[in-house]
């Protein structure tokens, strides 16, 4: 394995980690946005203090379940994306190998 191959492998590894981090940060940002939006909606709604407190209590009780559901959906989407990437990688690898095999065969004929 040459130095250029090692450098390229390092670049690919860093790019993969960056993509994974971006997906994770997006999911976290979305969860925070949903939480802040729900809290703002409850606090700014034209209701009496008692009704607002009841709504906050109910929202606080539901929040862990909603957050868990959101995380599960995000994990499912991430797994689907990983599977799709693996399929594409396999297809591209097969195409590349077929191309390289064809080139080698042509060189042998010459």
PDB file of N, CA and C in Angstrom:
ATOM      1  N   UNK A   1       0.864  -1.178   0.000  1.00  0.00           N
ATOM      2  CA  UNK A   1       0.000   0.000   0.000  1.00  0.00           C
ATOM      3  C   UNK A   1       0.905   1.233   0.000  1.00  0.00           C
ATOM      4  N   UNK A   2       0.673   2.105  -0.933  1.00  0.00           N
ATOM      5  CA  UNK A   2       1.523   3.271  -1.081  1.00  0.00           C
ATOM      6  C   UNK A   2       1.097   4.390  -0.115  1.00  0.00           C
ATOM      7  N   UNK A   3       1.919   5.386  -0.039  1.00  0.00           N
ATOM      8  CA  UNK A   3       1.632   6.535   0.824  1.00  0.00           C
ATOM      9  C   UNK A   3       0.376   7.248   0.350  1.00  0.00           C
ATOM     10  N   UNK A   4       0.222   7.355  -0.971  1.00  0.00           N
ATOM     11  CA  UNK A   4      -0.967   8.019  -1.513  1.00  0.00           C
ATOM     12  C   UNK A   4      -2.240   7.272  -1.120  1.00  0.00           C
ATOM     13  N   UNK A   5      -2.159   5.947  -1.121  1.00  0.00           N
ATOM     14  CA  UNK A   5      -3.322   5.153  -0.697  1.00  0.00           C
ATOM     15  C   UNK A   5      -3.651   5.409   0.771  1.00  0.00           C
ATOM     16  N   UNK A   6      -2.628   5.492   1.599  1.00  0.00           N
ATOM     17  CA  UNK A   6      -2.843   5.766   3.025  1.00  0.00           C
ATOM     18  C   UNK A   6      -3.452   7.146   3.242  1.00  0.00           C
ATOM     19  N   UNK A   7      -2.972   8.119   2.486  1.00  0.00           N
ATOM     20  CA  UNK A   7      -3.512   9.476   2.594  1.00  0.00           C
ATOM     21  C   UNK A   7      -4.976   9.490   2.173  1.00  0.00           C
ATOM     22  N   UNK A   8      -5.270   8.815   1.068  1.00  0.00           N
ATOM     23  CA  UNK A   8      -6.647   8.758   0.573  1.00  0.00           C
ATOM     24  C   UNK A   8      -7.555   8.044   1.576  1.00  0.00           C
ATOM     25  N   UNK A   9      -7.053   6.982   2.167  1.00  0.00           N
ATOM     26  CA  UNK A   9      -7.822   6.248   3.180  1.00  0.00           C
ATOM     27  C   UNK A   9      -8.117   7.142   4.383  1.00  0.00           C
ATOM     28  N   UNK A  10      -7.149   7.930   4.810  1.00  0.00           N
ATOM     29  CA  UNK A  10      -7.344   8.864   5.919  1.00  0.00           C
ATOM     30  C   UNK A  10      -8.378   9.924   5.596  1.00  0.00           C
ATOM     31  N   UNK A  11      -8.341  10.432   4.376  1.00  0.00           N
ATOM     32  CA  UNK A  11      -9.320  11.447   3.951  1.00  0.00           C
ATOM     33  C   UNK A  11     -10.724  10.872   3.968  1.00  0.00           C
ATOM     34  N   UNK A  12     -10.866   9.652   3.454  1.00  0.00           N
ATOM     35  CA  UNK A  12     -12.181   9.006   3.429  1.00  0.00           C
ATOM     36  C   UNK A  12     -12.699   8.772   4.834  1.00  0.00           C
ATOM     37  N   UNK A  13     -11.809   8.362   5.729  1.00  0.00           N
ATOM     38  CA  UNK A  13     -12.199   8.118   7.116  1.00  0.00           C
ATOM     39  C   UNK A  13     -12.678   9.405   7.788  1.00  0.00           C
ATOM     40  N   UNK A  14     -11.954  10.484   7.581  1.00  0.00           N
ATOM     41  CA  UNK A  14     -12.353  11.766   8.170  1.00  0.00           C
ATOM     42  C   UNK A  14     -13.673  12.252   7.583  1.00  0.00           C
ATOM     43  N   UNK A  15     -13.862  12.060   6.283  1.00  0.00           N
ATOM     44  CA  UNK A  15     -15.112  12.474   5.647  1.00  0.00           C
ATOM     45  C   UNK A  15     -16.291  11.672   6.192  1.00  0.00           C
ATOM     46  N   UNK A  16     -16.095  10.385   6.397  1.00  0.00           N
ATOM     47  CA  UNK A  16     -17.155   9.533   6.951  1.00  0.00           C
ATOM     48  C   UNK A  16     -17.532   9.989   8.355  1.00  0.00           C
ATOM     49  N   UNK A  17     -16.536  10.258   9.182  1.00  0.00           N
ATOM     50  CA  UNK A  17     -16.800  10.727  10.545  1.00  0.00           C
ATOM     51  C   UNK A  17     -17.532  12.066  10.530  1.00  0.00           C
ATOM     52  N   UNK A  18     -17.160  12.929   9.603  1.00  0.00           N
ATOM     53  CA  UNK A  18     -17.812  14.240   9.503  1.00  0.00           C
ATOM     54  C   UNK A  18     -19.280  14.078   9.113  1.00  0.00           C
ATOM     55  N   UNK A  19     -19.570  13.159   8.176  1.00  0.00           N
ATOM     56  CA  UNK A  19     -20.964  12.918   7.778  1.00  0.00           C
ATOM     57  C   UNK A  19     -21.783  12.375   8.946  1.00  0.00           C
ATOM     58  N   UNK A  20     -21.209  11.419   9.685  1.00  0.00           N
ATOM     59  CA  UNK A  20     -21.914  10.845  10.830  1.00  0.00           C
ATOM     60  C   UNK A  20     -22.186  11.911  11.890  1.00  0.00           C
ATOM     61  N   UNK A  21     -21.209  12.772  12.125  1.00  0.00           N
ATOM     62  CA  UNK A  21     -21.375  13.837  13.108  1.00  0.00           C
ATOM     63  C   UNK A  21     -22.447  14.818  12.657  1.00  0.00           C
ATOM     64  N   UNK A  22     -22.488  15.124  11.373  1.00  0.00           N
ATOM     65  CA  UNK A  22     -23.492  16.053  10.839  1.00  0.00           C
ATOM     66  C   UNK A  22     -24.896  15.476  11.006  1.00  0.00           C
ATOM     67  N   UNK A  23     -25.052  14.191  10.755  1.00  0.00           N
ATOM     68  CA  UNK A  23     -26.358  13.545  10.925  1.00  0.00           C
ATOM     69  C   UNK A  23     -26.781  13.589  12.387  1.00  0.00           C
ATOM     70  N   UNK A  24     -25.852  13.284  13.270  1.00  0.00           N
ATOM     71  CA  UNK A  24     -26.150  13.295  14.707  1.00  0.00           C
ATOM     72  C   UNK A  24     -26.530  14.705  15.160  1.00  0.00           C
ATOM     73  N   UNK A  25     -25.773  15.701  14.731  1.00  0.00           N
ATOM     74  CA  UNK A  25     -26.063  17.085  15.122  1.00  0.00           C
ATOM     75  C   UNK A  25     -27.410  17.553  14.582  1.00  0.00           C
ATOM     76  N   UNK A  26     -27.756  17.107  13.380  1.00  0.00           N
ATOM     77  CA  UNK A  26     -29.046  17.468  12.804  1.00  0.00           C
ATOM     78  C   UNK A  26     -30.187  16.889  13.636  1.00  0.00           C
ATOM     79  N   UNK A  27     -30.045  15.633  14.038  1.00  0.00           N
ATOM     80  CA  UNK A  27     -31.075  14.987  14.856  1.00  0.00           C
ATOM     81  C   UNK A  27     -31.216  15.689  16.208  1.00  0.00           C
ATOM     82  N   UNK A  28     -30.105  16.029  16.813  1.00  0.00           N
ATOM     83  CA  UNK A  28     -30.143  16.723  18.104  1.00  0.00           C
ATOM     84  C   UNK A  28     -30.778  18.101  17.939  1.00  0.00           C
ATOM     85  N   UNK A  29     -30.401  18.813  16.894  1.00  0.00           N
ATOM     86  CA  UNK A  29     -30.974  20.136  16.638  1.00  0.00           C
ATOM     87  C   UNK A  29     -32.475  20.073  16.422  1.00  0.00           C
ATOM     88  N   UNK A  30     -32.916  19.063  15.690  1.00  0.00           N
ATOM     89  CA  UNK A  30     -34.357  18.908  15.449  1.00  0.00           C
ATOM     90  C   UNK A  30     -35.099  18.634  16.759  1.00  0.00           C
ATOM     91  N   UNK A  31     -34.525  17.787  17.604  1.00  0.00           N
ATOM     92  CA  UNK A  31     -35.159  17.477  18.891  1.00  0.00           C
ATOM     93  C   UNK A  31     -35.257  18.727  19.767  1.00  0.00           C
ATOM     94  N   UNK A  32     -34.198  19.510  19.787  1.00  0.00           N
ATOM     95  CA  UNK A  32     -34.207  20.744  20.571  1.00  0.00           C
ATOM     96  C   UNK A  32     -35.239  21.716  20.006  1.00  0.00           C
ATOM     97  N   UNK A  33     -35.300  21.814  18.686  1.00  0.00           N
ATOM     98  CA  UNK A  33     -36.272  22.706  18.047  1.00  0.00           C
ATOM     99  C   UNK A  33     -37.706  22.326  18.368  1.00  0.00           C
ATOM    100  N   UNK A  34     -37.988  21.034  18.344  1.00  0.00           N
ATOM    101  CA  UNK A  34     -39.333  20.566  18.679  1.00  0.00           C
ATOM    102  C   UNK A  34     -39.673  20.917  20.126  1.00  0.00           C
ATOM    103  N   UNK A  35     -38.724  20.699  21.012  1.00  0.00           N
ATOM    104  CA  UNK A  35     -38.949  20.985  22.435  1.00  0.00           C
ATOM    105  C   UNK A  35     -39.191  22.469  22.669  1.00  0.00           C
ATOM    106  N   UNK A  36     -38.347  23.311  22.106  1.00  0.00           N
ATOM    107  CA  UNK A  36     -38.495  24.761  22.286  1.00  0.00           C
ATOM    108  C   UNK A  36     -39.805  25.245  21.671  1.00  0.00           C
ATOM    109  N   UNK A  37     -40.146  24.724  20.508  1.00  0.00           N
ATOM    110  CA  UNK A  37     -41.396  25.112  19.857  1.00  0.00           C
ATOM    111  C   UNK A  37     -42.617  24.725  20.680  1.00  0.00           C
ATOM    112  N   UNK A  38     -42.580  23.534  21.240  1.00  0.00           N
ATOM    113  CA  UNK A  38     -43.711  23.092  22.069  1.00  0.00           C
ATOM    114  C   UNK A  38     -43.833  23.955  23.326  1.00  0.00           C
ATOM    115  N   UNK A  39     -42.701  24.247  23.942  1.00  0.00           N
ATOM    116  CA  UNK A  39     -42.725  25.073  25.150  1.00  0.00           C
ATOM    117  C   UNK A  39     -43.226  26.481  24.838  1.00  0.00           C
ATOM    118  N   UNK A  40     -42.771  27.046  23.743  1.00  0.00           N
ATOM    119  CA  UNK A  40     -43.211  28.396  23.362  1.00  0.00           C
ATOM    120  C   UNK A  40     -44.705  28.402  23.056  1.00  0.00           C
ATOM    121  N   UNK A  41     -45.174  27.370  22.385  1.00  0.00           N
ATOM    122  CA  UNK A  41     -46.600  27.275  22.072  1.00  0.00           C
ATOM    123  C   UNK A  41     -47.462  27.210  23.318  1.00  0.00           C
ATOM    124  N   UNK A  42     -47.011  26.463  24.293  1.00  0.00           N
ATOM    125  CA  UNK A  42     -47.770  26.342  25.549  1.00  0.00           C
ATOM    126  C   UNK A  42     -47.743  27.654  26.320  1.00  0.00           C
ATOM    127  N   UNK A  43     -46.578  28.264  26.397  1.00  0.00           N
ATOM    128  CA  UNK A  43     -46.448  29.480  27.198  1.00  0.00           C
ATOM    129  C   UNK A  43     -47.123  30.697  26.559  1.00  0.00           C
ATOM    130  N   UNK A  44     -47.204  30.735  25.256  1.00  0.00           N
ATOM    131  CA  UNK A  44     -47.768  31.898  24.590  1.00  0.00           C
ATOM    132  C   UNK A  44     -49.249  31.737  24.239  1.00  0.00           C
ATOM    133  N   UNK A  45     -49.805  30.600  24.541  1.00  0.00           N
ATOM    134  CA  UNK A  45     -51.226  30.375  24.251  1.00  0.00           C
ATOM    135  C   UNK A  45     -52.086  31.212  25.201  1.00  0.00           C
ATOM    136  N   UNK A  46     -53.192  31.755  24.700  1.00  0.00           N
ATOM    137  CA  UNK A  46     -54.049  32.592  25.554  1.00  0.00           C
ATOM    138  C   UNK A  46     -54.949  31.730  26.466  1.00  0.00           C
ATOM    139  N   UNK A  47     -54.372  31.269  27.551  1.00  0.00           N
ATOM    140  CA  UNK A  47     -55.110  30.447  28.511  1.00  0.00           C
ATOM    141  C   UNK A  47     -54.877  31.000  29.912  1.00  0.00           C
ATOM    142  N   UNK A  48     -55.702  30.521  30.819  1.00  0.00           N
ATOM    143  CA  UNK A  48     -55.509  30.932  32.208  1.00  0.00           C
ATOM    144  C   UNK A  48     -54.264  30.256  32.771  1.00  0.00           C
ATOM    145  N   UNK A  49     -53.774  30.753  33.880  1.00  0.00           N
ATOM    146  CA  UNK A  49     -52.577  30.204  34.511  1.00  0.00           C
ATOM    147  C   UNK A  49     -52.732  28.739  34.868  1.00  0.00           C
ATOM    148  N   UNK A  50     -53.905  28.371  35.381  1.00  0.00           N
ATOM    149  CA  UNK A  50     -54.139  26.994  35.779  1.00  0.00           C
ATOM    150  C   UNK A  50     -54.093  26.069  34.561  1.00  0.00           C
ATOM    151  N   UNK A  51     -54.763  26.481  33.488  1.00  0.00           N
ATOM    152  CA  UNK A  51     -54.757  25.673  32.267  1.00  0.00           C
ATOM    153  C   UNK A  51     -53.346  25.542  31.690  1.00  0.00           C
ATOM    154  N   UNK A  52     -52.609  26.633  31.724  1.00  0.00           N
ATOM    155  CA  UNK A  52     -51.240  26.614  31.211  1.00  0.00           C
ATOM    156  C   UNK A  52     -50.373  25.659  32.023  1.00  0.00           C
ATOM    157  N   UNK A  53     -50.500  25.703  33.358  1.00  0.00           N
ATOM    158  CA  UNK A  53     -49.726  24.796  34.208  1.00  0.00           C
ATOM    159  C   UNK A  53     -50.089  23.340  33.925  1.00  0.00           C
ATOM    160  N   UNK A  54     -51.365  23.082  33.715  1.00  0.00           N
ATOM    161  CA  UNK A  54     -51.792  21.719  33.389  1.00  0.00           C
ATOM    162  C   UNK A  54     -51.197  21.272  32.054  1.00  0.00           C
ATOM    163  N   UNK A  55     -51.214  22.182  31.083  1.00  0.00           N
ATOM    164  CA  UNK A  55     -50.641  21.863  29.783  1.00  0.00           C
ATOM    165  C   UNK A  55     -49.135  21.592  29.884  1.00  0.00           C
ATOM    166  N   UNK A  56     -48.453  22.395  30.681  1.00  0.00           N
ATOM    167  CA  UNK A  56     -47.010  22.199  30.873  1.00  0.00           C
ATOM    168  C   UNK A  56     -46.752  20.857  31.536  1.00  0.00           C
ATOM    169  N   UNK A  57     -47.555  20.520  32.528  1.00  0.00           N
ATOM    170  CA  UNK A  57     -47.401  19.241  33.218  1.00  0.00           C
ATOM    171  C   UNK A  57     -47.607  18.078  32.252  1.00  0.00           C
ATOM    172  N   UNK A  58     -48.656  18.164  31.434  1.00  0.00           N
ATOM    173  CA  UNK A  58     -48.923  17.099  30.469  1.00  0.00           C
ATOM    174  C   UNK A  58     -47.802  17.001  29.438  1.00  0.00           C
ATOM    175  N   UNK A  59     -47.339  18.148  28.963  1.00  0.00           N
ATOM    176  CA  UNK A  59     -46.258  18.158  27.971  1.00  0.00           C
ATOM    177  C   UNK A  59     -44.977  17.574  28.561  1.00  0.00           C
ATOM    178  N   UNK A  60     -44.704  17.893  29.824  1.00  0.00           N
ATOM    179  CA  UNK A  60     -43.510  17.369  30.484  1.00  0.00           C
ATOM    180  C   UNK A  60     -43.599  15.856  30.643  1.00  0.00           C
ATOM    181  N   UNK A  61     -44.787  15.340  30.885  1.00  0.00           N
ATOM    182  CA  UNK A  61     -44.962  13.888  31.026  1.00  0.00           C
ATOM    183  C   UNK A  61     -44.818  13.183  29.675  1.00  0.00           C
ATOM    184  N   UNK A  62     -45.268  13.845  28.613  1.00  0.00           N
ATOM    185  CA  UNK A  62     -45.218  13.243  27.285  1.00  0.00           C
ATOM    186  C   UNK A  62     -43.849  13.389  26.620  1.00  0.00           C
ATOM    187  N   UNK A  63     -43.066  14.352  27.055  1.00  0.00           N
ATOM    188  CA  UNK A  63     -41.803  14.658  26.394  1.00  0.00           C
ATOM    189  C   UNK A  63     -40.845  13.472  26.311  1.00  0.00           C
ATOM    190  N   UNK A  64     -40.609  12.725  27.387  1.00  0.00           N
ATOM    191  CA  UNK A  64     -39.672  11.592  27.256  1.00  0.00           C
ATOM    192  C   UNK A  64     -40.117  10.575  26.204  1.00  0.00           C
ATOM    193  N   UNK A  65     -41.417  10.291  26.153  1.00  0.00           N
ATOM    194  CA  UNK A  65     -41.909   9.338  25.156  1.00  0.00           C
ATOM    195  C   UNK A  65     -41.731   9.878  23.743  1.00  0.00           C
ATOM    196  N   UNK A  66     -42.037  11.155  23.551  1.00  0.00           N
ATOM    197  CA  UNK A  66     -41.884  11.761  22.231  1.00  0.00           C
ATOM    198  C   UNK A  66     -40.409  11.801  21.818  1.00  0.00           C
ATOM    199  N   UNK A  67     -39.552  12.128  22.768  1.00  0.00           N
ATOM    200  CA  UNK A  67     -38.118  12.179  22.465  1.00  0.00           C
ATOM    201  C   UNK A  67     -37.605  10.786  22.105  1.00  0.00           C
ATOM    202  N   UNK A  68     -38.043   9.786  22.840  1.00  0.00           N
ATOM    203  CA  UNK A  68     -37.620   8.411  22.559  1.00  0.00           C
ATOM    204  C   UNK A  68     -38.100   7.986  21.172  1.00  0.00           C
ATOM    205  N   UNK A  69     -39.330   8.321  20.847  1.00  0.00           N
ATOM    206  CA  UNK A  69     -39.884   7.990  19.536  1.00  0.00           C
ATOM    207  C   UNK A  69     -39.091   8.684  18.427  1.00  0.00           C
ATOM    208  N   UNK A  70     -38.762   9.945  18.647  1.00  0.00           N
ATOM    209  CA  UNK A  70     -37.991  10.703  17.660  1.00  0.00           C
ATOM    210  C   UNK A  70     -36.621  10.073  17.449  1.00  0.00           C
ATOM    211  N   UNK A  71     -35.959   9.700  18.536  1.00  0.00           N
ATOM    212  CA  UNK A  71     -34.628   9.095  18.441  1.00  0.00           C
ATOM    213  C   UNK A  71     -34.715   7.758  17.700  1.00  0.00           C
ATOM    214  N   UNK A  72     -35.741   6.969  17.994  1.00  0.00           N
ATOM    215  CA  UNK A  72     -35.905   5.685  17.315  1.00  0.00           C
ATOM    216  C   UNK A  72     -36.099   5.873  15.815  1.00  0.00           C
ATOM    217  N   UNK A  73     -36.919   6.867  15.437  1.00  0.00           N
ATOM    218  CA  UNK A  73     -37.127   7.135  14.013  1.00  0.00           C
ATOM    219  C   UNK A  73     -35.833   7.601  13.354  1.00  0.00           C
ATOM    220  N   UNK A  74     -35.081   8.440  14.054  1.00  0.00           N
ATOM    221  CA  UNK A  74     -33.808   8.925  13.508  1.00  0.00           C
ATOM    222  C   UNK A  74     -32.832   7.764  13.328  1.00  0.00           C
ATOM    223  N   UNK A  75     -32.809   6.838  14.280  1.00  0.00           N
ATOM    224  CA  UNK A  75     -31.923   5.682  14.173  1.00  0.00           C
ATOM    225  C   UNK A  75     -32.336   4.794  12.994  1.00  0.00           C
ATOM    226  N   UNK A  76     -33.645   4.625  12.788  1.00  0.00           N
ATOM    227  CA  UNK A  76     -34.126   3.835  11.658  1.00  0.00           C
ATOM    228  C   UNK A  76     -33.692   4.471  10.340  1.00  0.00           C
ATOM    229  N   UNK A  77     -33.852   5.785  10.249  1.00  0.00           N
ATOM    230  CA  UNK A  77     -33.454   6.492   9.028  1.00  0.00           C
ATOM    231  C   UNK A  77     -31.945   6.362   8.797  1.00  0.00           C
ATOM    232  N   UNK A  78     -31.174   6.433   9.875  1.00  0.00           N
ATOM    233  CA  UNK A  78     -29.728   6.310   9.768  1.00  0.00           C
ATOM    234  C   UNK A  78     -29.350   4.915   9.283  1.00  0.00           C
ATOM    235  N   UNK A  79     -29.999   3.893   9.807  1.00  0.00           N
ATOM    236  CA  UNK A  79     -29.733   2.527   9.375  1.00  0.00           C
ATOM    237  C   UNK A  79     -30.093   2.345   7.901  1.00  0.00           C
ATOM    238  N   UNK A  80     -31.226   2.924   7.487  1.00  0.00           N
ATOM    239  CA  UNK A  80     -31.618   2.852   6.074  1.00  0.00           C
ATOM    240  C   UNK A  80     -30.567   3.518   5.190  1.00  0.00           C
ATOM    241  N   UNK A  81     -30.072   4.664   5.629  1.00  0.00           N
ATOM    242  CA  UNK A  81     -29.052   5.381   4.857  1.00  0.00           C
ATOM    243  C   UNK A  81     -27.761   4.561   4.789  1.00  0.00           C
ATOM    244  N   UNK A  82     -27.377   3.939   5.900  1.00  0.00           N
ATOM    245  CA  UNK A  82     -26.173   3.105   5.912  1.00  0.00           C
ATOM    246  C   UNK A  82     -26.316   1.938   4.937  1.00  0.00           C
ATOM    247  N   UNK A  83     -27.483   1.282   4.963  1.00  0.00           N
ATOM    248  CA  UNK A  83     -27.722   0.153   4.061  1.00  0.00           C
ATOM    249  C   UNK A  83     -27.649   0.593   2.605  1.00  0.00           C
ATOM    250  N   UNK A  84     -28.245   1.735   2.311  1.00  0.00           N
ATOM    251  CA  UNK A  84     -28.208   2.257   0.949  1.00  0.00           C
ATOM    252  C   UNK A  84     -26.776   2.559   0.512  1.00  0.00           C
ATOM    253  N   UNK A  85     -26.001   3.154   1.403  1.00  0.00           N
ATOM    254  CA  UNK A  85     -24.603   3.454   1.082  1.00  0.00           C
ATOM    255  C   UNK A  85     -23.799   2.176   0.851  1.00  0.00           C
ATOM    256  N   UNK A  86     -24.060   1.145   1.666  1.00  0.00           N
ATOM    257  CA  UNK A  86     -23.358  -0.126   1.483  1.00  0.00           C
ATOM    258  C   UNK A  86     -23.689  -0.740   0.126  1.00  0.00           C
ATOM    259  N   UNK A  87     -24.964  -0.677  -0.253  1.00  0.00           N
ATOM    260  CA  UNK A  87     -25.376  -1.207  -1.558  1.00  0.00           C
ATOM    261  C   UNK A  87     -24.674  -0.452  -2.689  1.00  0.00           C
ATOM    262  N   UNK A  88     -24.688   0.867  -2.602  1.00  0.00           N
ATOM    263  CA  UNK A  88     -24.054   1.687  -3.648  1.00  0.00           C
ATOM    264  C   UNK A  88     -22.551   1.404  -3.717  1.00  0.00           C
ATOM    265  N   UNK A  89     -21.920   1.265  -2.543  1.00  0.00           N
ATOM    266  CA  UNK A  89     -20.488   0.982  -2.507  1.00  0.00           C
ATOM    267  C   UNK A  89     -20.199  -0.354  -3.183  1.00  0.00           C
ATOM    268  N   UNK A  90     -21.028  -1.360  -2.892  1.00  0.00           N
ATOM    269  CA  UNK A  90     -20.837  -2.674  -3.515  1.00  0.00           C
ATOM    270  C   UNK A  90     -21.005  -2.596  -5.032  1.00  0.00           C
ATOM    271  N   UNK A  91     -22.020  -1.853  -5.473  1.00  0.00           N
ATOM    272  CA  UNK A  91     -22.246  -1.700  -6.912  1.00  0.00           C
ATOM    273  C   UNK A  91     -21.058  -1.016  -7.582  1.00  0.00           C
ATOM    274  N   UNK A  92     -20.591   0.066  -6.966  1.00  0.00           N
ATOM    275  CA  UNK A  92     -19.463   0.797  -7.548  1.00  0.00           C
ATOM    276  C   UNK A  92     -18.190  -0.053  -7.543  1.00  0.00           C
ATOM    277  N   UNK A  93     -17.992  -0.811  -6.483  1.00  0.00           N
ATOM    278  CA  UNK A  93     -16.818  -1.674  -6.391  1.00  0.00           C
ATOM    279  C   UNK A  93     -16.865  -2.740  -7.484  1.00  0.00           C
ATOM    280  N   UNK A  94     -18.050  -3.319  -7.692  1.00  0.00           N
ATOM    281  CA  UNK A  94     -18.202  -4.336  -8.735  1.00  0.00           C
ATOM    282  C   UNK A  94     -17.937  -3.732 -10.113  1.00  0.00           C
ATOM    283  N   UNK A  95     -18.467  -2.539 -10.348  1.00  0.00           N
ATOM    284  CA  UNK A  95     -18.224  -1.864 -11.628  1.00  0.00           C
ATOM    285  C   UNK A  95     -16.738  -1.581 -11.823  1.00  0.00           C
ATOM    286  N   UNK A  96     -16.086  -1.116 -10.771  1.00  0.00           N
ATOM    287  CA  UNK A  96     -14.664  -0.796 -10.855  1.00  0.00           C
ATOM    288  C   UNK A  96     -13.853  -2.058 -11.142  1.00  0.00           C
ATOM    289  N   UNK A  97     -14.160  -3.133 -10.412  1.00  0.00           N
ATOM    290  CA  UNK A  97     -13.427  -4.384 -10.622  1.00  0.00           C
ATOM    291  C   UNK A  97     -13.631  -4.909 -12.039  1.00  0.00           C
ATOM    292  N   UNK A  98     -14.857  -4.806 -12.541  1.00  0.00           N
ATOM    293  CA  UNK A  98     -15.133  -5.254 -13.905  1.00  0.00           C
ATOM    294  C   UNK A  98     -14.344  -4.416 -14.910  1.00  0.00           C
ATOM    295  N   UNK A  99     -14.277  -3.119 -14.672  1.00  0.00           N
ATOM    296  CA  UNK A  99     -13.533  -2.228 -15.557  1.00  0.00           C
ATOM    297  C   UNK A  99     -12.043  -2.556 -15.521  1.00  0.00           C
ATOM    298  N   UNK A 100     -11.511  -2.738 -14.317  1.00  0.00           N
ATOM    299  CA  UNK A 100     -10.088  -3.048 -14.174  1.00  0.00           C
ATOM    300  C   UNK A 100      -9.766  -4.407 -14.784  1.00  0.00           C
ATOM    301  N   UNK A 101     -10.651  -5.378 -14.625  1.00  0.00           N
ATOM    302  CA  UNK A 101     -10.438  -6.702 -15.210  1.00  0.00           C
ATOM    303  C   UNK A 101     -10.425  -6.596 -16.730  1.00  0.00           C
ATOM    304  N   UNK A 102     -11.339  -5.786 -17.256  1.00  0.00           N
ATOM    305  CA  UNK A 102     -11.387  -5.574 -18.708  1.00  0.00           C
ATOM    306  C   UNK A 102     -10.116  -4.931 -19.230  1.00  0.00           C
ATOM    307  N   UNK A 103      -9.605  -3.960 -18.490  1.00  0.00           N
ATOM    308  CA  UNK A 103      -8.363  -3.293 -18.895  1.00  0.00           C
ATOM    309  C   UNK A 103      -7.202  -4.275 -18.888  1.00  0.00           C
ATOM    310  N   UNK A 104      -7.124  -5.102 -17.861  1.00  0.00           N
ATOM    311  CA  UNK A 104      -6.039  -6.078 -17.753  1.00  0.00           C
ATOM    312  C   UNK A 104      -6.114  -7.066 -18.908  1.00  0.00           C
ATOM    313  N   UNK A 105      -7.312  -7.492 -19.259  1.00  0.00           N
ATOM    314  CA  UNK A 105      -7.481  -8.428 -20.366  1.00  0.00           C
ATOM    315  C   UNK A 105      -7.037  -7.799 -21.671  1.00  0.00           C
ATOM    316  N   UNK A 106      -7.362  -6.533 -21.891  1.00  0.00           N
ATOM    317  CA  UNK A 106      -6.948  -5.836 -23.109  1.00  0.00           C
ATOM    318  C   UNK A 106      -5.424  -5.721 -23.181  1.00  0.00           C
ATOM    319  N   UNK A 107      -4.797  -5.454 -22.041  1.00  0.00           N
ATOM    320  CA  UNK A 107      -3.341  -5.318 -22.031  1.00  0.00           C
ATOM    321  C   UNK A 107      -2.667  -6.648 -22.336  1.00  0.00           C
ATOM    322  N   UNK A 108      -3.240  -7.740 -21.856  1.00  0.00           N
ATOM    323  CA  UNK A 108      -2.668  -9.046 -22.127  1.00  0.00           C
ATOM    324  C   UNK A 108      -2.769  -9.376 -23.611  1.00  0.00           C
ATOM    325  N   UNK A 109      -3.876  -8.993 -24.245  1.00  0.00           N
ATOM    326  CA  UNK A 109      -4.065  -9.240 -25.674  1.00  0.00           C
ATOM    327  C   UNK A 109      -3.073  -8.470 -26.515  1.00  0.00           C
ATOM    328  N   UNK A 110      -2.730  -7.257 -26.068  1.00  0.00           N
ATOM    329  CA  UNK A 110      -1.804  -6.428 -26.837  1.00  0.00           C
ATOM    330  C   UNK A 110      -0.440  -7.014 -26.747  1.00  0.00           C
TER     331      UNK A 110
END
